[in-house]
């Protein structure tokens, strides 16, 4: 049974406040319940507390990297979430490393809104 969009919780882990706000605004307008974290630790804490369905995570974070965040989430109760890297790191090795860390998908910034929404729609 598919979950309705307004019941889908999306966590955005992004240190750039303008980027995080733009993504939050886009997803909120599309009916998603959106939470934002600006550091890796804040992202892990928020994910553990709120159990998002989808996590959009930058790789370059100020206190850790997105690879570590994905790895920690995969080993926790939050590991059931669809975890998507949204990053400027886009070469072949970056993609491989993201998948090995537990990301389900690897999107390279700037990401077209339609591509981002399609990746989230794949949930459920």
Protein backbone atom coordinates (compact mmCIF):
# COMPACT_ATOMS: atom_id res chain seq x y z
CA UNK A 1 0.00 0.00 0.00
CA UNK A 2 1.47 3.35 -1.06
CA UNK A 3 1.87 6.14 1.44
CA UNK A 4 0.21 9.46 0.60
CA UNK A 5 2.63 12.28 -0.16
CA UNK A 6 1.56 14.37 2.83
CA UNK A 7 2.42 11.41 5.07
CA UNK A 8 5.95 11.04 3.66
CA UNK A 9 8.63 12.50 5.95
CA UNK A 10 11.72 13.81 4.12
CA UNK A 11 14.87 14.82 5.97
CA UNK A 12 17.21 17.21 4.15
CA UNK A 13 20.78 17.13 5.50
CA UNK A 14 22.49 20.11 3.88
CA UNK A 15 24.95 22.62 5.35
CA UNK A 16 24.21 25.36 2.82
CA UNK A 17 21.22 27.14 4.33
CA UNK A 18 20.00 28.62 1.03
CA UNK A 19 20.11 25.22 -0.68
CA UNK A 20 18.40 23.53 2.26
CA UNK A 21 15.66 26.16 2.28
CA UNK A 22 15.12 25.88 -1.48
CA UNK A 23 14.73 22.10 -1.25
CA UNK A 24 12.51 22.40 1.83
CA UNK A 25 10.27 24.90 0.05
CA UNK A 26 10.01 22.78 -3.13
CA UNK A 27 9.16 19.60 -1.26
CA UNK A 28 6.73 21.32 1.11
CA UNK A 29 4.87 22.82 -1.86
CA UNK A 30 4.62 19.30 -3.28
CA UNK A 31 2.96 18.09 -0.09
CA UNK A 32 5.85 16.41 1.74
CA UNK A 33 6.54 16.82 5.45
CA UNK A 34 10.11 18.21 5.40
CA UNK A 35 12.70 18.49 8.15
CA UNK A 36 16.13 20.11 7.74
CA UNK A 37 19.45 19.41 9.45
CA UNK A 38 22.64 21.38 8.75
CA UNK A 39 25.27 18.98 10.10
CA UNK A 40 25.84 15.26 9.96
CA UNK A 41 25.26 14.83 13.68
CA UNK A 42 22.06 16.87 13.56
CA UNK A 43 20.95 14.72 10.61
CA UNK A 44 21.57 11.46 12.47
CA UNK A 45 19.85 12.74 15.62
CA UNK A 46 16.85 14.03 13.66
CA UNK A 47 16.56 10.80 11.67
CA UNK A 48 16.65 8.68 14.81
CA UNK A 49 13.99 10.84 16.45
CA UNK A 50 11.59 11.39 13.53
CA UNK A 51 12.14 8.27 11.38
CA UNK A 52 11.98 9.86 7.90
CA UNK A 53 10.93 7.84 4.89
CA UNK A 54 13.49 9.62 2.68
CA UNK A 55 16.81 11.28 3.55
CA UNK A 56 18.43 13.70 1.09
CA UNK A 57 22.01 14.07 2.26
CA UNK A 58 24.89 16.20 1.07
CA UNK A 59 28.33 14.55 1.12
CA UNK A 60 30.37 17.57 2.21
CA UNK A 61 29.14 18.44 5.70
CA UNK A 62 31.00 20.56 8.28
CA UNK A 63 31.30 17.96 11.05
CA UNK A 64 31.49 14.69 9.12
CA UNK A 65 30.63 13.54 5.64
CA UNK A 66 27.47 12.16 4.11
CA UNK A 67 29.09 8.76 3.70
CA UNK A 68 29.36 8.46 7.48
CA UNK A 69 25.80 9.71 7.94
CA UNK A 70 24.43 7.11 5.50
CA UNK A 71 26.46 4.36 7.12
CA UNK A 72 25.22 5.23 10.62
CA UNK A 73 21.61 5.49 9.43
CA UNK A 74 21.80 2.11 7.67
CA UNK A 75 22.93 0.51 10.95
CA UNK A 76 20.09 2.07 12.95
CA UNK A 77 16.30 1.94 12.98
CA UNK A 78 16.44 4.73 10.39
CA UNK A 79 18.08 2.29 7.99
CA UNK A 80 14.75 1.56 6.32
CA UNK A 81 14.67 5.07 4.84
CA UNK A 82 15.49 5.71 1.20
CA UNK A 83 18.80 7.58 1.45
CA UNK A 84 19.77 9.76 -1.51
CA UNK A 85 23.08 11.58 -1.89
CA UNK A 86 22.60 15.08 -3.28
CA UNK A 87 26.10 16.35 -3.80
CA UNK A 88 28.65 18.13 -5.93
CA UNK A 89 30.85 15.02 -5.75
CA UNK A 90 29.96 13.33 -9.00
CA UNK A 91 32.74 11.18 -10.41
CA UNK A 92 32.57 7.40 -10.72
CA UNK A 93 34.46 6.78 -7.48
CA UNK A 94 32.13 9.15 -5.59
CA UNK A 95 29.11 7.21 -6.86
CA UNK A 96 30.65 3.87 -5.90
CA UNK A 97 31.60 5.15 -2.47
CA UNK A 98 28.07 6.50 -1.93
CA UNK A 99 26.47 3.16 -2.78
CA UNK A 100 28.97 1.31 -0.58
CA UNK A 101 28.13 3.65 2.34
CA UNK A 102 24.44 2.80 2.05
CA UNK A 103 22.98 5.43 -0.25
CA UNK A 104 20.22 4.18 -2.54
CA UNK A 105 20.85 6.81 -5.17
CA UNK A 106 23.48 9.45 -6.03
CA UNK A 107 22.36 12.78 -7.55
CA UNK A 108 24.83 15.47 -8.60
CA UNK A 109 24.16 19.16 -7.88
CA UNK A 110 22.63 21.15 -9.30
CA UNK A 111 19.74 18.72 -9.41
CA UNK A 112 16.74 19.56 -11.56
CA UNK A 113 13.59 19.69 -9.40
CA UNK A 114 11.88 17.03 -11.56
CA UNK A 115 14.83 14.63 -11.07
CA UNK A 116 14.77 15.20 -7.32
CA UNK A 117 11.02 14.66 -7.13
CA UNK A 118 11.27 11.51 -9.25
CA UNK A 119 13.91 10.10 -6.90
CA UNK A 120 11.66 10.76 -3.90
CA UNK A 121 8.58 9.36 -5.70
CA UNK A 122 10.41 6.05 -6.01
CA UNK A 123 9.76 5.62 -2.28
CA UNK A 124 6.83 3.34 -1.68
